[in-house]
Amino acid sequence: MMQSSPLNLRRAIIWIGRLVLGGIFIYAGYSKAFLPNHTLWPLFFLKFSISTNLSNFALQVEAFKMLPPLAVQFVAYTLPFTEIILGLLVLIGWRLRIWASFLTLIMLGFFVVVLRAYLLHMDINCGCFATPEPIGPRKILEDAALSALALLTTYFAFVEARQPHPWSAPQPT
């Protein structure tokens, strides 16, 4: 008889969190860096430029009015690739406690930034994906739900690390 079940609520939430958050982070980073730029439609050769897409993302980051110009450029040029790598690491589950903790910090940061922009009545786009989306109650609830899922995934990853693996648990005699 095994000491713990191979499937329980904690493991189910970890799997759901890994799939949902990993997928969203991969797509968010990919869309910021690689999806065609819709604002420069007539200039076809600029539509597929990564640097143009990242420059447009820098304008969206700058619109939040939280960072100095050098930090805006740093965030705009590193965040998409960080999201892709972090999403892949969470998705595969390698060293989940570490990467889920980073992902949770980033999600909580996104939630605070979006909530601040909404409370200050800033009429700006989120900058989350390639399509412009204005900040409103729906976006705040979406970020809150994803932040809660990230927190639960991280917490349960730490709890599961203390538990014996269900298939390697010693058999009672």
N, C-alpha and C. Protein backbone atom coordinates (compact mmCIF):
# COMPACT_ATOMS: atom_id res chain seq x y z
N MET A 1 0.84 -1.19 0.00
CA MET A 1 0.00 0.00 0.00
C MET A 1 0.88 1.25 0.00
N MET A 2 0.56 2.19 -0.86
CA MET A 2 1.33 3.43 -0.95
C MET A 2 0.95 4.39 0.16
N GLN A 3 1.93 5.20 0.55
CA GLN A 3 1.66 6.17 1.60
C GLN A 3 0.89 7.38 1.10
N SER A 4 1.06 7.73 -0.15
CA SER A 4 0.33 8.88 -0.69
C SER A 4 -0.20 8.53 -2.08
N SER A 5 -1.30 9.11 -2.42
CA SER A 5 -1.92 8.86 -3.71
C SER A 5 -1.15 9.57 -4.81
N PRO A 6 -1.04 8.95 -6.01
CA PRO A 6 -0.34 9.63 -7.09
C PRO A 6 -1.07 10.86 -7.60
N LEU A 7 -2.36 10.95 -7.36
CA LEU A 7 -3.11 12.13 -7.79
C LEU A 7 -3.92 12.66 -6.62
N ASN A 8 -3.68 13.91 -6.29
CA ASN A 8 -4.46 14.58 -5.26
C ASN A 8 -4.66 16.03 -5.70
N LEU A 9 -5.35 16.79 -4.89
CA LEU A 9 -5.68 18.17 -5.26
C LEU A 9 -4.41 19.01 -5.46
N ARG A 10 -3.41 18.83 -4.59
CA ARG A 10 -2.17 19.61 -4.72
C ARG A 10 -1.51 19.34 -6.07
N ARG A 11 -1.38 18.09 -6.42
CA ARG A 11 -0.71 17.74 -7.68
C ARG A 11 -1.53 18.20 -8.88
N ALA A 12 -2.85 18.14 -8.77
CA ALA A 12 -3.70 18.61 -9.87
C ALA A 12 -3.53 20.11 -10.07
N ILE A 13 -3.46 20.88 -8.98
CA ILE A 13 -3.28 22.33 -9.11
C ILE A 13 -1.89 22.64 -9.65
N ILE A 14 -0.88 21.87 -9.24
CA ILE A 14 0.46 22.08 -9.78
C ILE A 14 0.46 21.83 -11.29
N TRP A 15 -0.17 20.76 -11.74
CA TRP A 15 -0.23 20.47 -13.18
C TRP A 15 -0.99 21.55 -13.93
N ILE A 16 -2.14 21.94 -13.41
CA ILE A 16 -2.92 23.00 -14.07
C ILE A 16 -2.11 24.30 -14.11
N GLY A 17 -1.48 24.66 -13.00
CA GLY A 17 -0.67 25.88 -12.95
C GLY A 17 0.48 25.82 -13.93
N ARG A 18 1.16 24.68 -14.00
CA ARG A 18 2.27 24.55 -14.94
C ARG A 18 1.80 24.71 -16.37
N LEU A 19 0.71 24.04 -16.72
CA LEU A 19 0.22 24.10 -18.10
C LEU A 19 -0.30 25.50 -18.46
N VAL A 20 -1.13 26.06 -17.59
CA VAL A 20 -1.74 27.36 -17.89
C VAL A 20 -0.70 28.48 -17.85
N LEU A 21 0.02 28.59 -16.75
CA LEU A 21 0.97 29.69 -16.61
C LEU A 21 2.15 29.55 -17.57
N GLY A 22 2.65 28.33 -17.72
CA GLY A 22 3.75 28.12 -18.68
C GLY A 22 3.32 28.48 -20.09
N GLY A 23 2.14 28.03 -20.49
CA GLY A 23 1.64 28.34 -21.83
C GLY A 23 1.41 29.82 -22.04
N ILE A 24 0.83 30.47 -21.05
CA ILE A 24 0.56 31.90 -21.17
C ILE A 24 1.86 32.69 -21.24
N PHE A 25 2.84 32.34 -20.42
CA PHE A 25 4.10 33.06 -20.44
C PHE A 25 4.85 32.86 -21.76
N ILE A 26 4.83 31.64 -22.28
CA ILE A 26 5.48 31.39 -23.57
C ILE A 26 4.81 32.21 -24.66
N TYR A 27 3.48 32.18 -24.69
CA TYR A 27 2.77 32.93 -25.73
C TYR A 27 2.95 34.44 -25.56
N ALA A 28 2.92 34.92 -24.32
CA ALA A 28 3.08 36.36 -24.09
C ALA A 28 4.45 36.84 -24.56
N GLY A 29 5.49 36.11 -24.21
CA GLY A 29 6.83 36.51 -24.66
C GLY A 29 6.98 36.40 -26.16
N TYR A 30 6.46 35.32 -26.73
CA TYR A 30 6.54 35.12 -28.18
C TYR A 30 5.79 36.23 -28.92
N SER A 31 4.60 36.59 -28.44
CA SER A 31 3.81 37.60 -29.14
C SER A 31 4.46 38.98 -29.06
N LYS A 32 5.12 39.28 -27.95
CA LYS A 32 5.78 40.58 -27.83
C LYS A 32 6.96 40.70 -28.77
N ALA A 33 7.68 39.61 -28.96
CA ALA A 33 8.92 39.69 -29.73
C ALA A 33 8.77 39.30 -31.19
N PHE A 34 7.89 38.34 -31.50
CA PHE A 34 7.92 37.74 -32.83
C PHE A 34 6.67 37.92 -33.68
N LEU A 35 5.55 38.25 -33.08
CA LEU A 35 4.35 38.41 -33.91
C LEU A 35 4.43 39.69 -34.72
N PRO A 36 3.85 39.67 -35.90
CA PRO A 36 3.94 40.86 -36.77
C PRO A 36 3.38 42.10 -36.09
N ASN A 37 4.00 43.20 -36.40
CA ASN A 37 3.61 44.48 -35.87
C ASN A 37 2.42 45.01 -36.68
N HIS A 38 1.30 45.25 -36.02
CA HIS A 38 0.10 45.69 -36.73
C HIS A 38 0.02 47.21 -36.89
N THR A 39 0.90 47.94 -36.19
CA THR A 39 0.80 49.40 -36.28
C THR A 39 1.50 49.95 -37.51
N LEU A 40 2.40 49.19 -38.12
CA LEU A 40 3.11 49.66 -39.31
C LEU A 40 2.67 48.88 -40.54
N TRP A 41 1.39 48.74 -40.72
CA TRP A 41 0.85 47.87 -41.76
C TRP A 41 1.37 48.16 -43.16
N PRO A 42 1.43 49.41 -43.63
CA PRO A 42 1.87 49.63 -45.01
C PRO A 42 3.33 49.26 -45.24
N LEU A 43 4.15 49.33 -44.21
CA LEU A 43 5.57 49.04 -44.38
C LEU A 43 5.79 47.55 -44.12
N PHE A 44 5.59 46.75 -45.15
CA PHE A 44 5.59 45.29 -44.99
C PHE A 44 6.92 44.77 -44.44
N PHE A 45 8.03 45.32 -44.87
CA PHE A 45 9.32 44.80 -44.43
C PHE A 45 9.58 45.06 -42.95
N LEU A 46 8.87 46.02 -42.33
CA LEU A 46 9.04 46.29 -40.91
C LEU A 46 8.10 45.44 -40.04
N LYS A 47 7.14 44.76 -40.66
CA LYS A 47 6.16 44.02 -39.88
C LYS A 47 6.79 42.85 -39.13
N PHE A 48 7.89 42.30 -39.63
CA PHE A 48 8.47 41.11 -39.03
C PHE A 48 9.80 41.39 -38.34
N SER A 49 10.04 42.63 -38.01
CA SER A 49 11.28 43.01 -37.36
C SER A 49 11.14 42.85 -35.84
N ILE A 50 12.01 42.05 -35.26
CA ILE A 50 11.97 41.84 -33.81
C ILE A 50 12.28 43.14 -33.09
N SER A 51 13.25 43.90 -33.57
CA SER A 51 13.61 45.15 -32.90
C SER A 51 12.47 46.16 -32.97
N THR A 52 11.72 46.17 -34.07
CA THR A 52 10.56 47.06 -34.16
C THR A 52 9.49 46.64 -33.16
N ASN A 53 9.24 45.34 -33.06
CA ASN A 53 8.25 44.85 -32.08
C ASN A 53 8.67 45.20 -30.66
N LEU A 54 9.95 45.02 -30.35
CA LEU A 54 10.42 45.34 -29.00
C LEU A 54 10.41 46.85 -28.74
N SER A 55 10.65 47.65 -29.77
CA SER A 55 10.56 49.11 -29.60
C SER A 55 9.12 49.53 -29.33
N ASN A 56 8.17 48.90 -30.01
CA ASN A 56 6.75 49.19 -29.72
C ASN A 56 6.37 48.74 -28.33
N PHE A 57 6.92 47.61 -27.89
CA PHE A 57 6.66 47.16 -26.52
C PHE A 57 7.27 48.14 -25.52
N ALA A 58 8.42 48.72 -25.86
CA ALA A 58 9.03 49.72 -24.98
C ALA A 58 8.11 50.93 -24.82
N LEU A 59 7.41 51.32 -25.89
CA LEU A 59 6.45 52.42 -25.78
C LEU A 59 5.32 52.06 -24.83
N GLN A 60 4.88 50.81 -24.85
CA GLN A 60 3.83 50.38 -23.93
C GLN A 60 4.33 50.36 -22.49
N VAL A 61 5.57 49.92 -22.28
CA VAL A 61 6.14 49.91 -20.94
C VAL A 61 6.30 51.34 -20.44
N GLU A 62 6.74 52.23 -21.32
CA GLU A 62 6.94 53.63 -20.94
C GLU A 62 5.62 54.32 -20.57
N ALA A 63 4.52 53.87 -21.17
CA ALA A 63 3.22 54.48 -20.91
C ALA A 63 2.78 54.32 -19.45
N PHE A 64 3.32 53.33 -18.75
CA PHE A 64 2.96 53.14 -17.35
C PHE A 64 3.60 54.17 -16.43
N LYS A 65 4.61 54.90 -16.93
CA LYS A 65 5.28 55.98 -16.21
C LYS A 65 5.79 55.54 -14.83
N MET A 66 6.50 54.41 -14.83
CA MET A 66 7.05 53.90 -13.57
C MET A 66 8.57 53.79 -13.59
N LEU A 67 9.17 53.76 -14.79
CA LEU A 67 10.59 53.49 -14.91
C LEU A 67 11.30 54.61 -15.65
N PRO A 68 12.59 54.83 -15.34
CA PRO A 68 13.37 55.78 -16.13
C PRO A 68 13.64 55.19 -17.52
N PRO A 69 14.02 56.03 -18.48
CA PRO A 69 14.18 55.56 -19.88
C PRO A 69 15.11 54.36 -20.05
N LEU A 70 16.22 54.34 -19.34
CA LEU A 70 17.15 53.21 -19.47
C LEU A 70 16.51 51.91 -18.97
N ALA A 71 15.78 51.98 -17.89
CA ALA A 71 15.10 50.80 -17.35
C ALA A 71 13.97 50.34 -18.27
N VAL A 72 13.30 51.29 -18.92
CA VAL A 72 12.25 50.94 -19.88
C VAL A 72 12.84 50.11 -21.00
N GLN A 73 13.98 50.55 -21.54
CA GLN A 73 14.62 49.80 -22.61
C GLN A 73 15.07 48.42 -22.14
N PHE A 74 15.62 48.35 -20.94
CA PHE A 74 16.06 47.07 -20.40
C PHE A 74 14.89 46.10 -20.26
N VAL A 75 13.80 46.58 -19.68
CA VAL A 75 12.62 45.74 -19.50
C VAL A 75 12.05 45.31 -20.84
N ALA A 76 11.95 46.24 -21.77
CA ALA A 76 11.34 45.94 -23.06
C ALA A 76 12.15 44.92 -23.86
N TYR A 77 13.45 44.96 -23.74
CA TYR A 77 14.28 44.05 -24.53
C TYR A 77 14.59 42.73 -23.83
N THR A 78 14.35 42.63 -22.52
CA THR A 78 14.63 41.38 -21.82
C THR A 78 13.38 40.63 -21.38
N LEU A 79 12.30 41.34 -21.07
CA LEU A 79 11.11 40.68 -20.54
C LEU A 79 10.52 39.63 -21.49
N PRO A 80 10.36 39.88 -22.78
CA PRO A 80 9.78 38.85 -23.64
C PRO A 80 10.57 37.54 -23.64
N PHE A 81 11.88 37.63 -23.69
CA PHE A 81 12.69 36.42 -23.72
C PHE A 81 12.74 35.75 -22.35
N THR A 82 12.68 36.55 -21.29
CA THR A 82 12.59 36.00 -19.94
C THR A 82 11.28 35.24 -19.77
N GLU A 83 10.19 35.80 -20.30
CA GLU A 83 8.90 35.12 -20.21
C GLU A 83 8.92 33.79 -20.96
N ILE A 84 9.53 33.76 -22.12
CA ILE A 84 9.59 32.52 -22.90
C ILE A 84 10.38 31.45 -22.14
N ILE A 85 11.56 31.81 -21.65
CA ILE A 85 12.40 30.85 -20.93
C ILE A 85 11.73 30.40 -19.64
N LEU A 86 11.18 31.34 -18.88
CA LEU A 86 10.51 31.00 -17.63
C LEU A 86 9.29 30.13 -17.88
N GLY A 87 8.52 30.44 -18.92
CA GLY A 87 7.37 29.61 -19.26
C GLY A 87 7.77 28.19 -19.61
N LEU A 88 8.86 28.04 -20.38
CA LEU A 88 9.34 26.70 -20.72
C LEU A 88 9.81 25.94 -19.49
N LEU A 89 10.53 26.60 -18.60
CA LEU A 89 11.03 25.94 -17.39
C LEU A 89 9.89 25.51 -16.47
N VAL A 90 8.87 26.34 -16.34
CA VAL A 90 7.71 25.97 -15.51
C VAL A 90 6.93 24.85 -16.18
N LEU A 91 6.80 24.92 -17.49
CA LEU A 91 6.06 23.90 -18.22
C LEU A 91 6.71 22.52 -18.09
N ILE A 92 8.02 22.45 -18.18
CA ILE A 92 8.67 21.13 -18.06
C ILE A 92 8.81 20.70 -16.61
N GLY A 93 8.73 21.62 -15.67
CA GLY A 93 8.70 21.26 -14.26
C GLY A 93 10.06 21.04 -13.63
N TRP A 94 11.14 21.38 -14.32
CA TRP A 94 12.47 21.20 -13.75
C TRP A 94 12.73 22.30 -12.73
N ARG A 95 13.11 21.91 -11.51
CA ARG A 95 13.34 22.86 -10.41
C ARG A 95 12.14 23.79 -10.25
N LEU A 96 10.99 23.18 -10.15
CA LEU A 96 9.73 23.93 -10.16
C LEU A 96 9.63 24.96 -9.05
N ARG A 97 10.15 24.65 -7.88
CA ARG A 97 10.03 25.60 -6.76
C ARG A 97 10.73 26.92 -7.10
N ILE A 98 11.88 26.85 -7.72
CA ILE A 98 12.63 28.07 -8.06
C ILE A 98 11.90 28.87 -9.13
N TRP A 99 11.56 28.20 -10.24
CA TRP A 99 10.98 28.92 -11.38
C TRP A 99 9.55 29.36 -11.11
N ALA A 100 8.80 28.57 -10.35
CA ALA A 100 7.44 29.00 -9.99
C ALA A 100 7.49 30.21 -9.06
N SER A 101 8.52 30.28 -8.23
CA SER A 101 8.67 31.46 -7.36
C SER A 101 8.95 32.72 -8.19
N PHE A 102 9.84 32.61 -9.17
CA PHE A 102 10.10 33.75 -10.05
C PHE A 102 8.86 34.14 -10.83
N LEU A 103 8.15 33.13 -11.36
CA LEU A 103 6.94 33.40 -12.12
C LEU A 103 5.90 34.09 -11.25
N THR A 104 5.78 33.66 -9.99
CA THR A 104 4.83 34.28 -9.07
C THR A 104 5.20 35.74 -8.81
N LEU A 105 6.48 36.01 -8.60
CA LEU A 105 6.91 37.40 -8.39
C LEU A 105 6.59 38.27 -9.60
N ILE A 106 6.84 37.74 -10.79
CA ILE A 106 6.54 38.51 -12.00
C ILE A 106 5.04 38.72 -12.15
N MET A 107 4.24 37.68 -11.89
CA MET A 107 2.77 37.82 -12.00
C MET A 107 2.25 38.84 -10.99
N LEU A 108 2.74 38.79 -9.76
CA LEU A 108 2.31 39.77 -8.76
C LEU A 108 2.74 41.18 -9.17
N GLY A 109 3.92 41.29 -9.76
CA GLY A 109 4.36 42.60 -10.27
C GLY A 109 3.45 43.11 -11.37
N PHE A 110 3.08 42.22 -12.31
CA PHE A 110 2.15 42.61 -13.37
C PHE A 110 0.82 43.06 -12.77
N PHE A 111 0.33 42.32 -11.78
CA PHE A 111 -0.95 42.66 -11.16
C PHE A 111 -0.89 44.04 -10.50
N VAL A 112 0.18 44.32 -9.78
CA VAL A 112 0.32 45.61 -9.10
C VAL A 112 0.41 46.75 -10.11
N VAL A 113 1.16 46.53 -11.19
CA VAL A 113 1.32 47.58 -12.20
C VAL A 113 0.00 47.87 -12.91
N VAL A 114 -0.73 46.82 -13.27
CA VAL A 114 -2.02 47.00 -13.95
C VAL A 114 -3.04 47.64 -13.01
N LEU A 115 -3.06 47.20 -11.76
CA LEU A 115 -3.99 47.79 -10.79
C LEU A 115 -3.67 49.26 -10.56
N ARG A 116 -2.39 49.60 -10.46
CA ARG A 116 -1.99 51.01 -10.29
C ARG A 116 -2.45 51.84 -11.48
N ALA A 117 -2.24 51.33 -12.69
CA ALA A 117 -2.65 52.08 -13.88
C ALA A 117 -4.16 52.27 -13.91
N TYR A 118 -4.90 51.26 -13.50
CA TYR A 118 -6.37 51.39 -13.49
C TYR A 118 -6.82 52.40 -12.43
N LEU A 119 -6.23 52.33 -11.25
CA LEU A 119 -6.62 53.24 -10.17
C LEU A 119 -6.24 54.69 -10.47
N LEU A 120 -5.19 54.89 -11.27
CA LEU A 120 -4.79 56.24 -11.67
C LEU A 120 -5.50 56.70 -12.94
N HIS A 121 -6.44 55.90 -13.43
CA HIS A 121 -7.24 56.21 -14.62
C HIS A 121 -6.37 56.49 -15.84
N MET A 122 -5.34 55.69 -15.99
CA MET A 122 -4.47 55.82 -17.17
C MET A 122 -5.17 55.14 -18.35
N ASP A 123 -5.26 55.84 -19.44
CA ASP A 123 -5.89 55.30 -20.64
C ASP A 123 -4.79 54.71 -21.54
N ILE A 124 -4.31 53.52 -21.15
CA ILE A 124 -3.22 52.88 -21.87
C ILE A 124 -3.56 51.42 -22.14
N ASN A 125 -2.77 50.81 -23.04
CA ASN A 125 -2.93 49.40 -23.33
C ASN A 125 -2.06 48.59 -22.39
N CYS A 126 -2.47 47.37 -22.17
CA CYS A 126 -1.78 46.50 -21.22
C CYS A 126 -0.37 46.16 -21.68
N GLY A 127 -0.19 45.79 -22.92
CA GLY A 127 1.12 45.36 -23.40
C GLY A 127 1.38 43.90 -23.13
N CYS A 128 0.36 43.16 -22.73
CA CYS A 128 0.54 41.76 -22.37
C CYS A 128 0.79 40.87 -23.58
N PHE A 129 0.03 41.05 -24.62
CA PHE A 129 0.15 40.24 -25.82
C PHE A 129 0.28 41.18 -27.02
N ALA A 130 0.36 40.63 -28.21
CA ALA A 130 0.57 41.46 -29.40
C ALA A 130 -0.62 42.36 -29.71
N THR A 131 -1.82 41.94 -29.33
CA THR A 131 -3.01 42.76 -29.60
C THR A 131 -3.19 43.77 -28.48
N PRO A 132 -3.44 45.02 -28.81
CA PRO A 132 -3.65 46.03 -27.77
C PRO A 132 -4.93 45.76 -26.99
N GLU A 133 -4.83 45.80 -25.69
CA GLU A 133 -5.99 45.58 -24.83
C GLU A 133 -6.00 46.65 -23.74
N PRO A 134 -7.05 47.46 -23.67
CA PRO A 134 -7.09 48.50 -22.65
C PRO A 134 -7.21 47.89 -21.25
N ILE A 135 -6.69 48.63 -20.29
CA ILE A 135 -6.75 48.17 -18.90
C ILE A 135 -8.11 48.50 -18.33
N GLY A 136 -8.76 47.50 -17.78
CA GLY A 136 -10.08 47.66 -17.19
C GLY A 136 -10.30 46.60 -16.13
N PRO A 137 -11.50 46.53 -15.58
CA PRO A 137 -11.79 45.54 -14.54
C PRO A 137 -11.55 44.09 -15.00
N ARG A 138 -11.83 43.81 -16.26
CA ARG A 138 -11.62 42.45 -16.77
C ARG A 138 -10.14 42.08 -16.72
N LYS A 139 -9.27 43.00 -17.10
CA LYS A 139 -7.84 42.75 -17.09
C LYS A 139 -7.33 42.59 -15.66
N ILE A 140 -7.87 43.36 -14.74
CA ILE A 140 -7.46 43.26 -13.35
C ILE A 140 -7.86 41.90 -12.77
N LEU A 141 -9.08 41.46 -13.06
CA LEU A 141 -9.53 40.15 -12.59
C LEU A 141 -8.71 39.02 -13.21
N GLU A 142 -8.39 39.17 -14.48
CA GLU A 142 -7.56 38.16 -15.15
C GLU A 142 -6.19 38.06 -14.50
N ASP A 143 -5.55 39.20 -14.24
CA ASP A 143 -4.24 39.19 -13.60
C ASP A 143 -4.33 38.68 -12.16
N ALA A 144 -5.41 39.03 -11.46
CA ALA A 144 -5.58 38.54 -10.09
C ALA A 144 -5.74 37.02 -10.07
N ALA A 145 -6.51 36.49 -11.00
CA ALA A 145 -6.71 35.04 -11.06
C ALA A 145 -5.40 34.32 -11.41
N LEU A 146 -4.66 34.85 -12.36
CA LEU A 146 -3.38 34.23 -12.72
C LEU A 146 -2.36 34.37 -11.59
N SER A 147 -2.39 35.47 -10.86
CA SER A 147 -1.50 35.63 -9.71
C SER A 147 -1.86 34.63 -8.61
N ALA A 148 -3.15 34.43 -8.38
CA ALA A 148 -3.59 33.45 -7.38
C ALA A 148 -3.18 32.04 -7.79
N LEU A 149 -3.33 31.71 -9.07
CA LEU A 149 -2.91 30.40 -9.55
C LEU A 149 -1.39 30.23 -9.41
N ALA A 150 -0.64 31.28 -9.69
CA ALA A 150 0.82 31.21 -9.53
C ALA A 150 1.20 31.02 -8.06
N LEU A 151 0.52 31.73 -7.16
CA LEU A 151 0.78 31.57 -5.73
C LEU A 151 0.46 30.15 -5.27
N LEU A 152 -0.68 29.62 -5.67
CA LEU A 152 -1.05 28.26 -5.29
C LEU A 152 -0.07 27.24 -5.86
N THR A 153 0.31 27.41 -7.10
CA THR A 153 1.26 26.48 -7.72
C THR A 153 2.58 26.49 -6.98
N THR A 154 3.08 27.67 -6.65
CA THR A 154 4.34 27.77 -5.92
C THR A 154 4.23 27.17 -4.53
N TYR A 155 3.17 27.50 -3.83
CA TYR A 155 2.98 26.97 -2.47
C TYR A 155 2.90 25.45 -2.49
N PHE A 156 2.09 24.91 -3.40
CA PHE A 156 1.95 23.45 -3.45
C PHE A 156 3.22 22.77 -3.95
N ALA A 157 4.01 23.45 -4.77
CA ALA A 157 5.29 22.87 -5.19
C ALA A 157 6.23 22.72 -3.99
N PHE A 158 6.21 23.70 -3.09
CA PHE A 158 7.01 23.59 -1.88
C PHE A 158 6.47 22.52 -0.95
N VAL A 159 5.15 22.41 -0.84
CA VAL A 159 4.55 21.37 0.01
C VAL A 159 4.87 19.98 -0.55
N GLU A 160 4.73 19.82 -1.85
CA GLU A 160 4.99 18.51 -2.48
C GLU A 160 6.45 18.10 -2.36
N ALA A 161 7.36 19.06 -2.31
CA ALA A 161 8.78 18.73 -2.19
C ALA A 161 9.08 18.07 -0.85
N ARG A 162 8.26 18.33 0.15
CA ARG A 162 8.46 17.72 1.46
C ARG A 162 7.82 16.34 1.58
N GLN A 163 6.94 16.02 0.66
CA GLN A 163 6.23 14.73 0.69
C GLN A 163 7.05 13.68 -0.06
N PRO A 164 6.93 12.42 0.35
CA PRO A 164 7.60 11.38 -0.44
C PRO A 164 6.88 11.19 -1.77
N HIS A 165 7.64 10.85 -2.79
CA HIS A 165 7.05 10.60 -4.09
C HIS A 165 6.17 9.36 -3.99
N PRO A 166 4.98 9.37 -4.58
CA PRO A 166 4.05 8.25 -4.36
C PRO A 166 4.56 6.91 -4.90
N TRP A 167 5.39 6.92 -5.90
CA TRP A 167 5.85 5.65 -6.46
C TRP A 167 7.15 5.18 -5.84
N SER A 168 7.79 6.06 -5.06
CA SER A 168 9.03 5.64 -4.41
C SER A 168 8.89 5.56 -2.90
N ALA A 169 7.67 5.67 -2.41
CA ALA A 169 7.45 5.61 -0.96
C ALA A 169 7.71 4.18 -0.47
N PRO A 170 8.35 4.06 0.67
CA PRO A 170 8.60 2.72 1.18
C PRO A 170 7.30 2.01 1.54
N GLN A 171 7.28 0.72 1.30
CA GLN A 171 6.09 -0.08 1.58
C GLN A 171 6.06 -0.45 3.06
N PRO A 172 4.94 -0.26 3.74
CA PRO A 172 4.88 -0.70 5.15
C PRO A 172 4.85 -2.23 5.21
N THR A 173 5.44 -2.77 6.23
CA THR A 173 5.46 -4.23 6.36
C THR A 173 4.41 -4.75 7.31
